[in-house]
Amino acid sequence: MAIRAAEHRTREPRRAAERQAGMAVHIARRVDIPDWVRDHESFRRWARSPEYPEKLRVAFYDGDLWVDLDMEQLYVHNQVKAQVAVTLIPLVEVADIGTFVTDGMLLTIAEIELTTIPDGYFVSYAALREGRVREVAGASNGCVELVGSPEMTLEVVSRSSEEKDLVVLRERYYEGGVLEYWLIDARTEDVGFELLKRGAKGFTPTRRQSGGWLKSEVFGRSFRLVRGSNQLGKPSYKLEVR
């Protein structure tokens, strides 16, 4: 298993002996990965353990571990995903259709050996009742991981996550059965908001309606993301619904 930091994505040749040997990995004195973390299942055990670093942003795919060491940016990442959450949480609660899971909760799609922490995702009660998504408890507390295919996933693009969000997860979420992939890039004034839906061979963009609205089949509503300014002149966002 290779460890890939977000700042350096080139895949270097791996010697067989290095792959076989147990070796603890220390990243910037901030992350200690135990030597027994060798594959997808051992990574998941570590991620559910008390030793797992709080708020560590990681993803496991293609047999490798991706680690993002960048600090989260307030106005083009944190506030964007927060606005999506404060809009979707009451929407699904009122409709009583499921749960919108906010940033920080592990998601595993076991069939394709993907584990990641999306910026948000939606799981219906039907998926939980039918066993398409199941809860997994941690070593010392309640549910810390959901396993299965959520109906919707959200990723907000940052400098360090471009390849992961725009290429890798777009492919992996499709392979894993996700119905909708919401992709937001707020790094410029012209905010990019794509609602990607399942097509025959991959995700395809939802056609934008008049006024910039995008229709979600998962939620049965239309959405648009509007950027404004707060009292300090900093970016603010509103996810409008109709």
C-alpha atoms as a PDB file:
ATOM      1  CA  MET A   1       0.000   0.000   0.000  1.00  0.00           C
ATOM      2  CA  ALA A   2       1.417   3.397  -0.990  1.00  0.00           C
ATOM      3  CA  ILE A   3       0.762   6.535   1.046  1.00  0.00           C
ATOM      4  CA  ARG A   4      -0.016   9.505  -1.147  1.00  0.00           C
ATOM      5  CA  ALA A   5      -0.095  13.053   0.214  1.00  0.00           C
ATOM      6  CA  ALA A   6      -2.440  15.435  -1.502  1.00  0.00           C
ATOM      7  CA  GLU A   7       0.406  17.769  -2.431  1.00  0.00           C
ATOM      8  CA  HIS A   8       2.284  15.033  -4.358  1.00  0.00           C
ATOM      9  CA  ARG A   9       0.268  12.652  -6.495  1.00  0.00           C
ATOM     10  CA  THR A  10       2.797  11.063  -8.824  1.00  0.00           C
ATOM     11  CA  ARG A  11       2.857   7.320  -8.333  1.00  0.00           C
ATOM     12  CA  GLU A  12       6.431   6.107  -7.847  1.00  0.00           C
ATOM     13  CA  PRO A  13       7.589   2.510  -8.450  1.00  0.00           C
ATOM     14  CA  ARG A  14       7.218   0.319  -5.357  1.00  0.00           C
ATOM     15  CA  ARG A  15       9.722  -2.419  -4.621  1.00  0.00           C
ATOM     16  CA  ALA A  16       8.207  -5.765  -3.663  1.00  0.00           C
ATOM     17  CA  ALA A  17      10.261  -5.955  -0.462  1.00  0.00           C
ATOM     18  CA  GLU A  18       9.001  -2.554   0.666  1.00  0.00           C
ATOM     19  CA  ARG A  19       5.406  -3.582   0.091  1.00  0.00           C
ATOM     20  CA  GLN A  20       5.838  -6.738   2.127  1.00  0.00           C
ATOM     21  CA  ALA A  21       7.558  -5.217   5.150  1.00  0.00           C
ATOM     22  CA  GLY A  22       5.620  -3.761   8.062  1.00  0.00           C
ATOM     23  CA  MET A  23       6.495  -0.093   8.391  1.00  0.00           C
ATOM     24  CA  ALA A  24       4.922   2.694  10.440  1.00  0.00           C
ATOM     25  CA  VAL A  25       4.465   5.917   8.475  1.00  0.00           C
ATOM     26  CA  HIS A  26       4.829   9.362  10.054  1.00  0.00           C
ATOM     27  CA  ILE A  27       3.541  12.294   8.004  1.00  0.00           C
ATOM     28  CA  ALA A  28       4.706  15.804   8.916  1.00  0.00           C
ATOM     29  CA  ARG A  29       4.661  14.827  12.611  1.00  0.00           C
ATOM     30  CA  ARG A  30       0.879  15.093  12.426  1.00  0.00           C
ATOM     31  CA  VAL A  31      -0.221  11.615  11.310  1.00  0.00           C
ATOM     32  CA  ASP A  32       1.085   8.250  12.508  1.00  0.00           C
ATOM     33  CA  ILE A  33      -0.061   5.308  10.411  1.00  0.00           C
ATOM     34  CA  PRO A  34       0.616   1.977  12.180  1.00  0.00           C
ATOM     35  CA  ASP A  35       2.744  -0.686  10.504  1.00  0.00           C
ATOM     36  CA  TRP A  36      -0.139  -3.165  10.519  1.00  0.00           C
ATOM     37  CA  VAL A  37      -2.188  -1.005   8.118  1.00  0.00           C
ATOM     38  CA  ARG A  38      -1.504  -2.947   4.913  1.00  0.00           C
ATOM     39  CA  ASP A  39      -4.746  -3.067   2.930  1.00  0.00           C
ATOM     40  CA  HIS A  40      -8.342  -1.873   2.794  1.00  0.00           C
ATOM     41  CA  GLU A  41      -9.649  -3.929   5.705  1.00  0.00           C
ATOM     42  CA  SER A  42      -6.757  -3.082   8.035  1.00  0.00           C
ATOM     43  CA  PHE A  43      -7.137   0.595   7.133  1.00  0.00           C
ATOM     44  CA  ARG A  44     -10.821   0.451   8.064  1.00  0.00           C
ATOM     45  CA  ARG A  45      -9.998  -1.148  11.424  1.00  0.00           C
ATOM     46  CA  TRP A  46      -7.514   1.633  12.129  1.00  0.00           C
ATOM     47  CA  ALA A  47     -10.001   4.305  11.015  1.00  0.00           C
ATOM     48  CA  ARG A  48     -12.583   2.971  13.502  1.00  0.00           C
ATOM     49  CA  SER A  49     -10.094   2.758  16.372  1.00  0.00           C
ATOM     50  CA  PRO A  50      -9.447   5.313  19.158  1.00  0.00           C
ATOM     51  CA  GLU A  51      -5.923   5.796  17.737  1.00  0.00           C
ATOM     52  CA  TYR A  52      -7.237   7.282  14.496  1.00  0.00           C
ATOM     53  CA  PRO A  53      -6.446  11.054  14.377  1.00  0.00           C
ATOM     54  CA  GLU A  54      -9.541  13.202  14.770  1.00  0.00           C
ATOM     55  CA  LYS A  55     -10.530  15.164  11.649  1.00  0.00           C
ATOM     56  CA  LEU A  56      -7.947  13.449   9.466  1.00  0.00           C
ATOM     57  CA  ARG A  57      -9.001  13.716   5.821  1.00  0.00           C
ATOM     58  CA  VAL A  58      -8.133  10.499   4.019  1.00  0.00           C
ATOM     59  CA  ALA A  59      -9.376   8.240   1.269  1.00  0.00           C
ATOM     60  CA  PHE A  60      -8.463   4.642   0.409  1.00  0.00           C
ATOM     61  CA  TYR A  61      -8.786   3.640  -3.242  1.00  0.00           C
ATOM     62  CA  ASP A  62      -6.852   1.654  -5.853  1.00  0.00           C
ATOM     63  CA  GLY A  63      -4.983  -0.071  -3.024  1.00  0.00           C
ATOM     64  CA  ASP A  64      -3.422   3.184  -1.811  1.00  0.00           C
ATOM     65  CA  LEU A  65      -4.075   5.654   0.991  1.00  0.00           C
ATOM     66  CA  TRP A  66      -4.582   9.308   0.067  1.00  0.00           C
ATOM     67  CA  VAL A  67      -3.855  11.830   2.858  1.00  0.00           C
ATOM     68  CA  ASP A  68      -4.818  15.516   2.657  1.00  0.00           C
ATOM     69  CA  LEU A  69      -2.649  17.679   4.923  1.00  0.00           C
ATOM     70  CA  ASP A  70      -3.959  21.048   3.725  1.00  0.00           C
ATOM     71  CA  MET A  71      -5.873  23.211   6.176  1.00  0.00           C
ATOM     72  CA  GLU A  72      -9.510  23.715   5.186  1.00  0.00           C
ATOM     73  CA  GLN A  73     -10.246  27.104   3.614  1.00  0.00           C
ATOM     74  CA  LEU A  74     -13.127  29.001   5.235  1.00  0.00           C
ATOM     75  CA  TYR A  75     -14.749  30.846   2.350  1.00  0.00           C
ATOM     76  CA  VAL A  76     -14.354  28.475  -0.595  1.00  0.00           C
ATOM     77  CA  HIS A  77     -14.769  25.154   1.185  1.00  0.00           C
ATOM     78  CA  ASN A  78     -16.009  25.184   4.787  1.00  0.00           C
ATOM     79  CA  GLN A  79     -18.865  27.650   4.269  1.00  0.00           C
ATOM     80  CA  VAL A  80     -19.938  26.025   1.016  1.00  0.00           C
ATOM     81  CA  LYS A  81     -20.429  22.550   2.454  1.00  0.00           C
ATOM     82  CA  ALA A  82     -22.037  24.080   5.557  1.00  0.00           C
ATOM     83  CA  GLN A  83     -24.624  25.813   3.385  1.00  0.00           C
ATOM     84  CA  VAL A  84     -25.468  22.566   1.608  1.00  0.00           C
ATOM     85  CA  ALA A  85     -25.853  20.830   4.972  1.00  0.00           C
ATOM     86  CA  VAL A  86     -28.105  23.462   6.564  1.00  0.00           C
ATOM     87  CA  THR A  87     -30.329  23.297   3.488  1.00  0.00           C
ATOM     88  CA  LEU A  88     -30.531  19.533   3.004  1.00  0.00           C
ATOM     89  CA  ILE A  89     -30.785  18.431   6.652  1.00  0.00           C
ATOM     90  CA  PRO A  90     -34.180  20.097   7.313  1.00  0.00           C
ATOM     91  CA  LEU A  91     -35.376  19.199   3.810  1.00  0.00           C
ATOM     92  CA  VAL A  92     -34.896  15.446   4.345  1.00  0.00           C
ATOM     93  CA  GLU A  93     -36.179  15.664   7.927  1.00  0.00           C
ATOM     94  CA  VAL A  94     -39.432  17.315   6.880  1.00  0.00           C
ATOM     95  CA  ALA A  95     -39.875  14.796   4.060  1.00  0.00           C
ATOM     96  CA  ASP A  96     -38.884  12.007   6.506  1.00  0.00           C
ATOM     97  CA  ILE A  97     -36.938  10.163   3.810  1.00  0.00           C
ATOM     98  CA  GLY A  98     -33.512   9.612   5.357  1.00  0.00           C
ATOM     99  CA  THR A  99     -30.396  11.268   6.744  1.00  0.00           C
ATOM    100  CA  PHE A 100     -27.994  13.806   5.300  1.00  0.00           C
ATOM    101  CA  VAL A 101     -24.600  12.933   6.780  1.00  0.00           C
ATOM    102  CA  THR A 102     -22.255  15.868   7.297  1.00  0.00           C
ATOM    103  CA  ASP A 103     -18.480  15.995   6.869  1.00  0.00           C
ATOM    104  CA  GLY A 104     -16.444  13.697   9.139  1.00  0.00           C
ATOM    105  CA  MET A 105     -18.245  10.355   8.745  1.00  0.00           C
ATOM    106  CA  LEU A 106     -16.471   7.457   7.050  1.00  0.00           C
ATOM    107  CA  LEU A 107     -18.132   5.989   3.986  1.00  0.00           C
ATOM    108  CA  THR A 108     -17.084   2.598   2.632  1.00  0.00           C
ATOM    109  CA  ILE A 109     -18.221   0.950  -0.589  1.00  0.00           C
ATOM    110  CA  ALA A 110     -16.728  -2.459   0.062  1.00  0.00           C
ATOM    111  CA  GLU A 111     -17.233  -3.963  -3.404  1.00  0.00           C
ATOM    112  CA  ILE A 112     -14.740  -1.531  -4.946  1.00  0.00           C
ATOM    113  CA  GLU A 113     -12.538  -1.180  -1.823  1.00  0.00           C
ATOM    114  CA  LEU A 114     -13.267   2.521  -1.458  1.00  0.00           C
ATOM    115  CA  THR A 115     -13.245   4.272   1.890  1.00  0.00           C
ATOM    116  CA  THR A 116     -13.441   8.055   2.056  1.00  0.00           C
ATOM    117  CA  ILE A 117     -14.858  10.950   4.036  1.00  0.00           C
ATOM    118  CA  PRO A 118     -17.157  12.890   1.690  1.00  0.00           C
ATOM    119  CA  ASP A 119     -18.022  16.525   2.337  1.00  0.00           C
ATOM    120  CA  GLY A 120     -21.548  15.180   2.797  1.00  0.00           C
ATOM    121  CA  TYR A 121     -23.817  12.372   1.657  1.00  0.00           C
ATOM    122  CA  PHE A 122     -27.445  11.283   1.761  1.00  0.00           C
ATOM    123  CA  VAL A 123     -28.662   7.851   2.851  1.00  0.00           C
ATOM    124  CA  SER A 124     -32.354   6.992   2.640  1.00  0.00           C
ATOM    125  CA  TYR A 125     -34.221   5.092   5.315  1.00  0.00           C
ATOM    126  CA  ALA A 126     -35.129   2.587   2.591  1.00  0.00           C
ATOM    127  CA  ALA A 127     -31.437   1.878   1.954  1.00  0.00           C
ATOM    128  CA  LEU A 128     -30.865   1.279   5.678  1.00  0.00           C
ATOM    129  CA  ARG A 129     -33.956  -0.883   6.105  1.00  0.00           C
ATOM    130  CA  GLU A 130     -33.139  -3.010   3.066  1.00  0.00           C
ATOM    131  CA  GLY A 131     -29.481  -3.433   4.049  1.00  0.00           C
ATOM    132  CA  ARG A 132     -28.056  -1.593   1.042  1.00  0.00           C
ATOM    133  CA  VAL A 133     -26.311   0.628   3.573  1.00  0.00           C
ATOM    134  CA  ARG A 134     -25.393  -0.581   7.047  1.00  0.00           C
ATOM    135  CA  GLU A 135     -23.951   0.992  10.176  1.00  0.00           C
ATOM    136  CA  VAL A 136     -20.617  -0.118  11.641  1.00  0.00           C
ATOM    137  CA  ALA A 137     -19.687   0.646  15.254  1.00  0.00           C
ATOM    138  CA  GLY A 138     -16.314   1.855  16.417  1.00  0.00           C
ATOM    139  CA  ALA A 139     -14.085   0.184  18.968  1.00  0.00           C
ATOM    140  CA  SER A 140     -15.456   2.186  21.884  1.00  0.00           C
ATOM    141  CA  ASN A 141     -18.631   3.951  20.782  1.00  0.00           C
ATOM    142  CA  GLY A 142     -21.553   3.894  18.372  1.00  0.00           C
ATOM    143  CA  CYS A 143     -21.735   4.119  14.587  1.00  0.00           C
ATOM    144  CA  VAL A 144     -18.549   5.571  13.083  1.00  0.00           C
ATOM    145  CA  GLU A 145     -18.812   4.219   9.528  1.00  0.00           C
ATOM    146  CA  LEU A 146     -21.516   3.606   6.954  1.00  0.00           C
ATOM    147  CA  VAL A 147     -20.983   0.789   4.458  1.00  0.00           C
ATOM    148  CA  GLY A 148     -22.841   0.667   1.175  1.00  0.00           C
ATOM    149  CA  SER A 149     -23.957   2.979  -1.633  1.00  0.00           C
ATOM    150  CA  PRO A 150     -25.576   6.259  -0.579  1.00  0.00           C
ATOM    151  CA  GLU A 151     -28.024   7.866  -2.958  1.00  0.00           C
ATOM    152  CA  MET A 152     -26.047  11.120  -3.117  1.00  0.00           C
ATOM    153  CA  THR A 153     -22.516  12.292  -2.351  1.00  0.00           C
ATOM    154  CA  LEU A 154     -21.106  15.828  -2.126  1.00  0.00           C
ATOM    155  CA  GLU A 155     -17.553  17.014  -2.718  1.00  0.00           C
ATOM    156  CA  VAL A 156     -16.331  20.624  -2.610  1.00  0.00           C
ATOM    157  CA  VAL A 157     -13.153  21.017  -4.653  1.00  0.00           C
ATOM    158  CA  SER A 158     -10.023  22.481  -3.068  1.00  0.00           C
ATOM    159  CA  ARG A 159      -6.495  22.951  -4.420  1.00  0.00           C
ATOM    160  CA  SER A 160      -5.297  19.709  -2.890  1.00  0.00           C
ATOM    161  CA  SER A 161      -8.324  17.601  -3.872  1.00  0.00           C
ATOM    162  CA  GLU A 162      -8.728  18.377  -7.574  1.00  0.00           C
ATOM    163  CA  GLU A 163      -7.614  14.993  -8.913  1.00  0.00           C
ATOM    164  CA  LYS A 164      -9.469  13.058  -6.218  1.00  0.00           C
ATOM    165  CA  ASP A 165     -12.771  14.939  -6.569  1.00  0.00           C
ATOM    166  CA  LEU A 166     -12.841  15.632 -10.302  1.00  0.00           C
ATOM    167  CA  VAL A 167     -11.443  12.345 -11.599  1.00  0.00           C
ATOM    168  CA  VAL A 168     -11.024   9.532  -9.063  1.00  0.00           C
ATOM    169  CA  LEU A 169     -14.187   9.898  -6.997  1.00  0.00           C
ATOM    170  CA  ARG A 170     -16.278  10.693 -10.046  1.00  0.00           C
ATOM    171  CA  GLU A 171     -15.292   7.253 -11.371  1.00  0.00           C
ATOM    172  CA  ARG A 172     -15.414   5.407  -8.054  1.00  0.00           C
ATOM    173  CA  TYR A 173     -18.766   6.780  -6.890  1.00  0.00           C
ATOM    174  CA  TYR A 174     -20.269   5.683 -10.198  1.00  0.00           C
ATOM    175  CA  GLU A 175     -18.730   2.206  -9.916  1.00  0.00           C
ATOM    176  CA  GLY A 176     -20.051   2.019  -6.365  1.00  0.00           C
ATOM    177  CA  GLY A 177     -23.672   2.652  -7.340  1.00  0.00           C
ATOM    178  CA  VAL A 178     -24.110   6.255  -6.158  1.00  0.00           C
ATOM    179  CA  LEU A 179     -27.112   7.843  -7.900  1.00  0.00           C
ATOM    180  CA  GLU A 180     -26.082  11.519  -7.770  1.00  0.00           C
ATOM    181  CA  TYR A 181     -22.725  13.215  -7.309  1.00  0.00           C
ATOM    182  CA  TRP A 182     -22.869  16.886  -6.337  1.00  0.00           C
ATOM    183  CA  LEU A 183     -19.652  18.660  -7.272  1.00  0.00           C
ATOM    184  CA  ILE A 184     -18.983  22.275  -6.235  1.00  0.00           C
ATOM    185  CA  ASP A 185     -15.989  24.461  -7.025  1.00  0.00           C
ATOM    186  CA  ALA A 186     -16.227  27.862  -5.315  1.00  0.00           C
ATOM    187  CA  ARG A 187     -12.635  28.991  -5.823  1.00  0.00           C
ATOM    188  CA  THR A 188     -13.659  31.698  -8.292  1.00  0.00           C
ATOM    189  CA  GLU A 189     -16.503  34.225  -8.305  1.00  0.00           C
ATOM    190  CA  ASP A 190     -18.244  32.159 -10.963  1.00  0.00           C
ATOM    191  CA  VAL A 191     -19.089  29.253  -8.663  1.00  0.00           C
ATOM    192  CA  GLY A 192     -19.180  25.874 -10.359  1.00  0.00           C
ATOM    193  CA  PHE A 193     -22.081  23.651  -9.265  1.00  0.00           C
ATOM    194  CA  GLU A 194     -22.669  20.378 -11.071  1.00  0.00           C
ATOM    195  CA  LEU A 195     -25.332  17.830 -10.245  1.00  0.00           C
ATOM    196  CA  LEU A 196     -24.068  14.649 -11.867  1.00  0.00           C
ATOM    197  CA  LYS A 197     -26.509  11.787 -12.402  1.00  0.00           C
ATOM    198  CA  ARG A 198     -25.988   8.193 -13.456  1.00  0.00           C
ATOM    199  CA  GLY A 199     -25.766   7.544 -17.166  1.00  0.00           C
ATOM    200  CA  ALA A 200     -25.159   4.359 -19.126  1.00  0.00           C
ATOM    201  CA  LYS A 201     -21.370   4.476 -18.751  1.00  0.00           C
ATOM    202  CA  GLY A 202     -20.691   7.157 -16.167  1.00  0.00           C
ATOM    203  CA  PHE A 203     -22.005  10.265 -14.505  1.00  0.00           C
ATOM    204  CA  THR A 204     -23.484  12.890 -16.810  1.00  0.00           C
ATOM    205  CA  PRO A 205     -24.250  16.540 -15.947  1.00  0.00           C
ATOM    206  CA  THR A 206     -27.860  17.420 -15.255  1.00  0.00           C
ATOM    207  CA  ARG A 207     -29.136  19.921 -17.806  1.00  0.00           C
ATOM    208  CA  ARG A 208     -29.408  23.378 -16.291  1.00  0.00           C
ATOM    209  CA  GLN A 209     -32.900  24.858 -16.304  1.00  0.00           C
ATOM    210  CA  SER A 210     -33.804  28.489 -16.841  1.00  0.00           C
ATOM    211  CA  GLY A 211     -32.333  30.593 -14.042  1.00  0.00           C
ATOM    212  CA  GLY A 212     -29.559  28.112 -13.370  1.00  0.00           C
ATOM    213  CA  TRP A 213     -31.698  25.533 -11.549  1.00  0.00           C
ATOM    214  CA  LEU A 214     -30.654  21.865 -11.406  1.00  0.00           C
ATOM    215  CA  LYS A 215     -33.263  19.150 -10.835  1.00  0.00           C
ATOM    216  CA  SER A 216     -32.345  16.387  -8.371  1.00  0.00           C
ATOM    217  CA  GLU A 217     -34.063  13.066  -8.919  1.00  0.00           C
ATOM    218  CA  VAL A 218     -32.942  11.894  -5.473  1.00  0.00           C
ATOM    219  CA  PHE A 219     -34.628  14.750  -3.605  1.00  0.00           C
ATOM    220  CA  GLY A 220     -37.364  15.543  -6.125  1.00  0.00           C
ATOM    221  CA  ARG A 221     -36.497  19.252  -5.942  1.00  0.00           C
ATOM    222  CA  SER A 222     -34.499  21.782  -7.938  1.00  0.00           C
ATOM    223  CA  PHE A 223     -31.474  23.611  -6.553  1.00  0.00           C
ATOM    224  CA  ARG A 224     -29.140  26.458  -7.394  1.00  0.00           C
ATOM    225  CA  LEU A 225     -26.131  27.782  -5.502  1.00  0.00           C
ATOM    226  CA  VAL A 226     -25.901  31.567  -5.263  1.00  0.00           C
ATOM    227  CA  ARG A 227     -22.805  33.446  -4.169  1.00  0.00           C
ATOM    228  CA  GLY A 228     -23.072  36.793  -2.384  1.00  0.00           C
ATOM    229  CA  SER A 229     -21.079  38.820   0.143  1.00  0.00           C
ATOM    230  CA  ASN A 230     -21.342  39.198   3.902  1.00  0.00           C
ATOM    231  CA  GLN A 231     -20.965  42.447   5.866  1.00  0.00           C
ATOM    232  CA  LEU A 232     -17.180  42.195   5.659  1.00  0.00           C
ATOM    233  CA  GLY A 233     -17.193  41.758   1.914  1.00  0.00           C
ATOM    234  CA  LYS A 234     -16.296  38.072   2.168  1.00  0.00           C
ATOM    235  CA  PRO A 235     -18.036  35.395   0.072  1.00  0.00           C
ATOM    236  CA  SER A 236     -21.307  33.949   1.356  1.00  0.00           C
ATOM    237  CA  TYR A 237     -23.503  31.282  -0.188  1.00  0.00           C
ATOM    238  CA  LYS A 238     -27.120  30.213  -0.331  1.00  0.00           C
ATOM    239  CA  LEU A 239     -28.391  26.928  -1.690  1.00  0.00           C
ATOM    240  CA  GLU A 240     -31.830  27.799  -2.975  1.00  0.00           C
ATOM    241  CA  VAL A 241     -34.561  25.174  -3.328  1.00  0.00           C
ATOM    242  CA  ARG A 242     -37.814  25.054  -5.261  1.00  0.00           C
END
